[in-house]
């Protein structure tokens, strides 16, 4: 199955488009819950505990930008130039892990080869427009981070297309891109309004408050936002391939 398949073959893992249906399976047993509680108390879980930020924003499918989803990024910072985000479809306890995004500074982005840069998107418009938001974080605390993030680039792979009704992760991962100041990359107002109503803030007010966030002088450097400039997206297909044959161990 290709990442661009709009309507995969119906299976028990299928549901109505728009998502919302839980994965197939039985309710979690008491024994499993006890095991989870015990393991959580005894194990370090250090990688998970490095998550320090929750960002709610929107993403578009690179092969079909009219397919748009609200995303929840739970970010951990490996250093000042690199963040990694587990991406969920909501902030609820039952949220589905739908992908992963890596975020790098301009300094790191410039070191990438051209073919690799085509898979990355800019964040400047997403942040200045108010679409990128940190729920319940005061603006004054968020401001220094926004100044830095406006000059970053992300590579986001969606592994679970829950918006098309997949109850399980199906097929190949799909490359995602960021909203941009272009009619082809504008997030639907109803989607934004639904998010704003849930959290009790206004994207329009966030946009006004971020007027002084400094955007990079070069809006789409290198091969960033390739799809926007060339009107060609990327899709992933899974094809059979000859395995490498190694001599048996003596």
Protein backbone atom coordinates (compact mmCIF):
# COMPACT_ATOMS: atom_id res chain seq x y z
CA UNK A 1 0.00 0.00 0.00
CA UNK A 2 1.37 3.42 -0.94
CA UNK A 3 1.33 6.34 1.45
CA UNK A 4 -0.81 8.20 -1.11
CA UNK A 5 -3.61 5.63 -1.20
CA UNK A 6 -6.77 7.64 -0.53
CA UNK A 7 -9.08 4.68 0.08
CA UNK A 8 -7.26 1.51 1.14
CA UNK A 9 -8.95 -1.85 0.71
CA UNK A 10 -11.60 -2.27 3.48
CA UNK A 11 -10.42 -4.46 6.36
CA UNK A 12 -11.32 -4.90 10.05
CA UNK A 13 -8.82 -2.10 10.60
CA UNK A 14 -10.94 0.31 8.55
CA UNK A 15 -13.51 2.80 9.82
CA UNK A 16 -15.30 5.86 8.57
CA UNK A 17 -13.10 8.64 7.23
CA UNK A 18 -12.23 11.25 9.81
CA UNK A 19 -10.90 8.84 12.42
CA UNK A 20 -12.09 8.62 16.00
CA UNK A 21 -12.64 4.85 16.10
CA UNK A 22 -10.33 3.03 18.54
CA UNK A 23 -7.98 0.28 17.35
CA UNK A 24 -9.53 -3.19 17.23
CA UNK A 25 -8.91 -5.19 20.39
CA UNK A 26 -10.20 -6.20 23.79
CA UNK A 27 -10.25 -3.85 26.81
CA UNK A 28 -7.03 -3.80 28.81
CA UNK A 29 -7.11 -6.41 31.57
CA UNK A 30 -6.48 -5.73 35.24
CA UNK A 31 -3.36 -7.92 35.09
CA UNK A 32 -1.91 -5.81 32.28
CA UNK A 33 -2.69 -2.59 34.16
CA UNK A 34 -0.93 -3.94 37.26
CA UNK A 35 2.09 -4.88 35.16
CA UNK A 36 2.17 -1.40 33.60
CA UNK A 37 2.01 0.29 37.01
CA UNK A 38 4.75 -1.91 38.40
CA UNK A 39 7.03 -1.41 35.41
CA UNK A 40 6.49 2.36 35.50
CA UNK A 41 7.52 2.42 39.16
CA UNK A 42 10.66 0.34 38.61
CA UNK A 43 11.97 1.44 35.20
CA UNK A 44 13.66 4.73 34.39
CA UNK A 45 11.77 5.53 31.14
CA UNK A 46 14.38 8.26 30.63
CA UNK A 47 13.74 8.92 26.91
CA UNK A 48 10.04 9.51 27.56
CA UNK A 49 10.74 11.74 30.55
CA UNK A 50 12.77 14.09 28.34
CA UNK A 51 9.55 15.33 26.72
CA UNK A 52 9.18 18.89 28.01
CA UNK A 53 6.82 20.63 25.57
CA UNK A 54 3.41 20.11 24.00
CA UNK A 55 2.73 21.99 20.77
CA UNK A 56 -0.59 21.91 18.93
CA UNK A 57 -0.43 22.79 15.26
CA UNK A 58 -1.54 21.53 11.84
CA UNK A 59 0.03 19.45 9.09
CA UNK A 60 -0.71 18.77 5.43
CA UNK A 61 -0.03 15.62 3.43
CA UNK A 62 2.78 16.30 0.95
CA UNK A 63 1.00 14.36 -1.80
CA UNK A 64 -2.39 15.99 -1.09
CA UNK A 65 -2.22 19.30 0.85
CA UNK A 66 -6.01 19.52 1.03
CA UNK A 67 -5.84 16.64 3.51
CA UNK A 68 -5.09 18.49 6.72
CA UNK A 69 -4.87 17.29 10.31
CA UNK A 70 -4.52 18.79 13.76
CA UNK A 71 -1.35 17.45 15.37
CA UNK A 72 0.04 17.35 18.89
CA UNK A 73 3.81 17.36 19.14
CA UNK A 74 5.45 16.19 22.35
CA UNK A 75 9.00 17.46 22.02
CA UNK A 76 12.29 16.61 23.66
CA UNK A 77 15.45 18.61 23.04
CA UNK A 78 18.65 16.67 22.37
CA UNK A 79 20.61 19.91 22.03
CA UNK A 80 20.02 23.53 21.02
CA UNK A 81 19.94 22.61 17.32
CA UNK A 82 17.89 19.41 17.37
CA UNK A 83 14.47 18.43 18.72
CA UNK A 84 12.56 15.20 18.27
CA UNK A 85 8.79 15.00 18.58
CA UNK A 86 6.37 12.17 19.12
CA UNK A 87 3.26 13.28 17.22
CA UNK A 88 -0.25 12.35 18.39
CA UNK A 89 -3.71 13.04 17.00
CA UNK A 90 -4.91 14.61 20.28
CA UNK A 91 -3.80 15.40 23.82
CA UNK A 92 -6.13 12.87 25.46
CA UNK A 93 -5.10 9.74 27.35
CA UNK A 94 -6.35 7.69 24.38
CA UNK A 95 -4.37 9.69 21.81
CA UNK A 96 -2.90 7.74 18.91
CA UNK A 97 0.78 8.03 18.04
CA UNK A 98 0.53 9.01 14.38
CA UNK A 99 4.10 9.92 13.54
CA UNK A 100 7.40 11.53 14.36
CA UNK A 101 8.91 14.90 13.49
CA UNK A 102 12.56 15.90 13.68
CA UNK A 103 13.36 19.60 13.96
CA UNK A 104 16.73 21.18 13.20
CA UNK A 105 18.21 24.67 13.20
CA UNK A 106 19.17 26.51 10.00
CA UNK A 107 22.81 25.74 10.78
CA UNK A 108 22.12 21.99 10.69
CA UNK A 109 19.70 22.24 7.75
CA UNK A 110 22.36 23.91 5.61
CA UNK A 111 24.61 20.86 6.02
CA UNK A 112 22.05 18.49 4.46
CA UNK A 113 22.41 17.43 0.81
CA UNK A 114 19.89 18.90 -1.62
CA UNK A 115 17.98 15.65 -2.07
CA UNK A 116 17.49 15.42 1.69
CA UNK A 117 16.47 19.07 2.07
CA UNK A 118 13.49 18.45 -0.23
CA UNK A 119 11.90 16.37 2.54
CA UNK A 120 12.02 19.22 5.07
CA UNK A 121 9.63 22.12 5.63
CA UNK A 122 10.06 25.56 7.17
CA UNK A 123 8.28 26.72 10.34
CA UNK A 124 8.37 30.52 10.02
CA UNK A 125 4.85 31.02 8.63
CA UNK A 126 3.38 28.36 10.90
CA UNK A 127 4.67 30.22 13.95
CA UNK A 128 4.07 33.83 12.90
CA UNK A 129 0.52 33.02 11.77
CA UNK A 130 -0.42 31.68 15.22
CA UNK A 131 -1.08 28.14 14.00
CA UNK A 132 1.80 26.77 16.13
CA UNK A 133 0.62 27.06 19.72
CA UNK A 134 1.68 25.78 23.13
CA UNK A 135 -1.55 25.27 25.10
CA UNK A 136 -1.62 26.86 28.55
CA UNK A 137 1.90 28.31 28.21
CA UNK A 138 1.97 32.11 28.83
CA UNK A 139 3.02 34.17 25.83
CA UNK A 140 5.92 35.84 27.65
CA UNK A 141 7.41 32.44 28.52
CA UNK A 142 6.87 31.15 24.99
CA UNK A 143 8.29 34.16 23.13
CA UNK A 144 12.04 33.27 23.24
CA UNK A 145 11.26 29.77 21.97
CA UNK A 146 9.16 31.17 19.10
CA UNK A 147 12.01 33.42 17.99
CA UNK A 148 14.26 30.39 17.75
CA UNK A 149 11.69 28.02 16.23
CA UNK A 150 10.81 30.44 13.42
CA UNK A 151 14.20 29.68 11.89
CA UNK A 152 13.94 25.89 12.15
CA UNK A 153 13.00 23.12 9.72
CA UNK A 154 11.11 19.89 10.26
CA UNK A 155 10.83 16.46 8.68
CA UNK A 156 7.54 14.83 9.66
CA UNK A 157 6.59 11.26 8.77
CA UNK A 158 3.00 10.22 9.44
CA UNK A 159 2.84 6.49 10.20
CA UNK A 160 -0.89 6.29 11.02
CA UNK A 161 -3.38 8.00 8.71
CA UNK A 162 -6.16 8.06 11.26
CA UNK A 163 -7.91 10.89 9.41
CA UNK A 164 -8.86 8.55 6.54
CA UNK A 165 -10.36 6.07 8.99
CA UNK A 166 -7.45 3.70 9.60
CA UNK A 167 -7.96 1.96 12.95
CA UNK A 168 -4.41 0.61 12.72
CA UNK A 169 -1.25 2.02 11.13
CA UNK A 170 -1.65 0.95 7.50
CA UNK A 171 0.75 1.02 4.58
CA UNK A 172 3.84 3.14 4.10
CA UNK A 173 4.54 6.33 6.05
CA UNK A 174 3.45 9.61 4.49
CA UNK A 175 5.56 12.75 4.33
CA UNK A 176 3.86 15.76 5.90
CA UNK A 177 4.44 19.47 5.27
CA UNK A 178 3.69 22.69 7.13
CA UNK A 179 1.06 25.35 6.41
CA UNK A 180 2.34 28.22 4.29
CA UNK A 181 1.18 31.65 3.09
CA UNK A 182 -0.12 30.17 -0.16
CA UNK A 183 -3.68 29.22 -1.17
CA UNK A 184 -2.53 25.63 -1.72
CA UNK A 185 -1.20 25.43 1.85
CA UNK A 186 -3.81 27.30 3.87
CA UNK A 187 -5.41 25.44 6.77
CA UNK A 188 -9.19 25.26 6.64
CA UNK A 189 -10.71 27.91 8.95
CA UNK A 190 -13.13 25.40 10.49
CA UNK A 191 -10.22 23.20 11.56
CA UNK A 192 -8.47 26.13 13.21
CA UNK A 193 -11.65 27.34 14.88
CA UNK A 194 -12.31 23.89 16.35
CA UNK A 195 -8.83 23.87 17.90
CA UNK A 196 -9.17 27.42 19.23
CA UNK A 197 -12.56 26.74 20.81
CA UNK A 198 -11.20 23.69 22.61
CA UNK A 199 -8.28 25.55 24.17
CA UNK A 200 -9.94 28.92 24.63
CA UNK A 201 -7.56 31.07 22.60
CA UNK A 202 -7.63 32.84 19.25
CA UNK A 203 -5.21 32.13 16.42
CA UNK A 204 -5.86 35.64 15.15
CA UNK A 205 -4.79 37.10 18.50
CA UNK A 206 -1.71 34.89 18.55
CA UNK A 207 -0.84 36.14 15.08
CA UNK A 208 -1.11 39.76 16.20
CA UNK A 209 0.97 39.10 19.31
CA UNK A 210 3.73 37.55 17.19
CA UNK A 211 4.17 40.47 14.82
CA UNK A 212 7.64 41.06 16.27
CA UNK A 213 8.79 37.45 15.87
CA UNK A 214 11.68 37.71 13.46
CA UNK A 215 11.22 35.59 10.36
CA UNK A 216 14.28 34.45 8.38
CA UNK A 217 15.26 36.78 5.54
CA UNK A 218 15.19 33.82 3.16
CA UNK A 219 11.75 32.26 3.41
CA UNK A 220 12.44 28.92 1.70
CA UNK A 221 16.22 28.35 1.72
CA UNK A 222 17.91 25.57 -0.17
CA UNK A 223 15.38 22.92 -1.15
CA UNK A 224 13.05 23.47 1.83
CA UNK A 225 9.32 23.44 1.03
CA UNK A 226 10.15 21.81 -2.31
CA UNK A 227 6.53 20.84 -2.92
CA UNK A 228 5.38 24.46 -2.60
CA UNK A 229 7.83 25.82 -5.14
CA UNK A 230 7.61 22.96 -7.65
CA UNK A 231 4.02 21.81 -7.02
CA UNK A 232 5.27 18.23 -6.73
CA UNK A 233 4.73 16.25 -3.55
CA UNK A 234 6.34 13.04 -2.39
CA UNK A 235 4.73 9.68 -1.72
CA UNK A 236 6.23 6.44 -0.47
CA UNK A 237 5.45 3.04 -1.99
CA UNK A 238 6.45 -0.41 -0.74
CA UNK A 239 7.93 -2.63 -3.42
CA UNK A 240 9.65 -6.05 -3.28
CA UNK A 241 13.42 -5.82 -3.26
CA UNK A 242 16.17 -8.40 -3.41
CA UNK A 243 17.68 -8.94 0.02
CA UNK A 244 21.43 -8.66 0.40
CA UNK A 245 22.92 -12.11 0.47
CA UNK A 246 25.64 -12.70 3.02
CA UNK A 247 27.91 -15.69 3.28
CA UNK A 248 26.90 -18.02 6.12
CA UNK A 249 28.80 -17.59 9.36
CA UNK A 250 31.62 -20.19 9.42
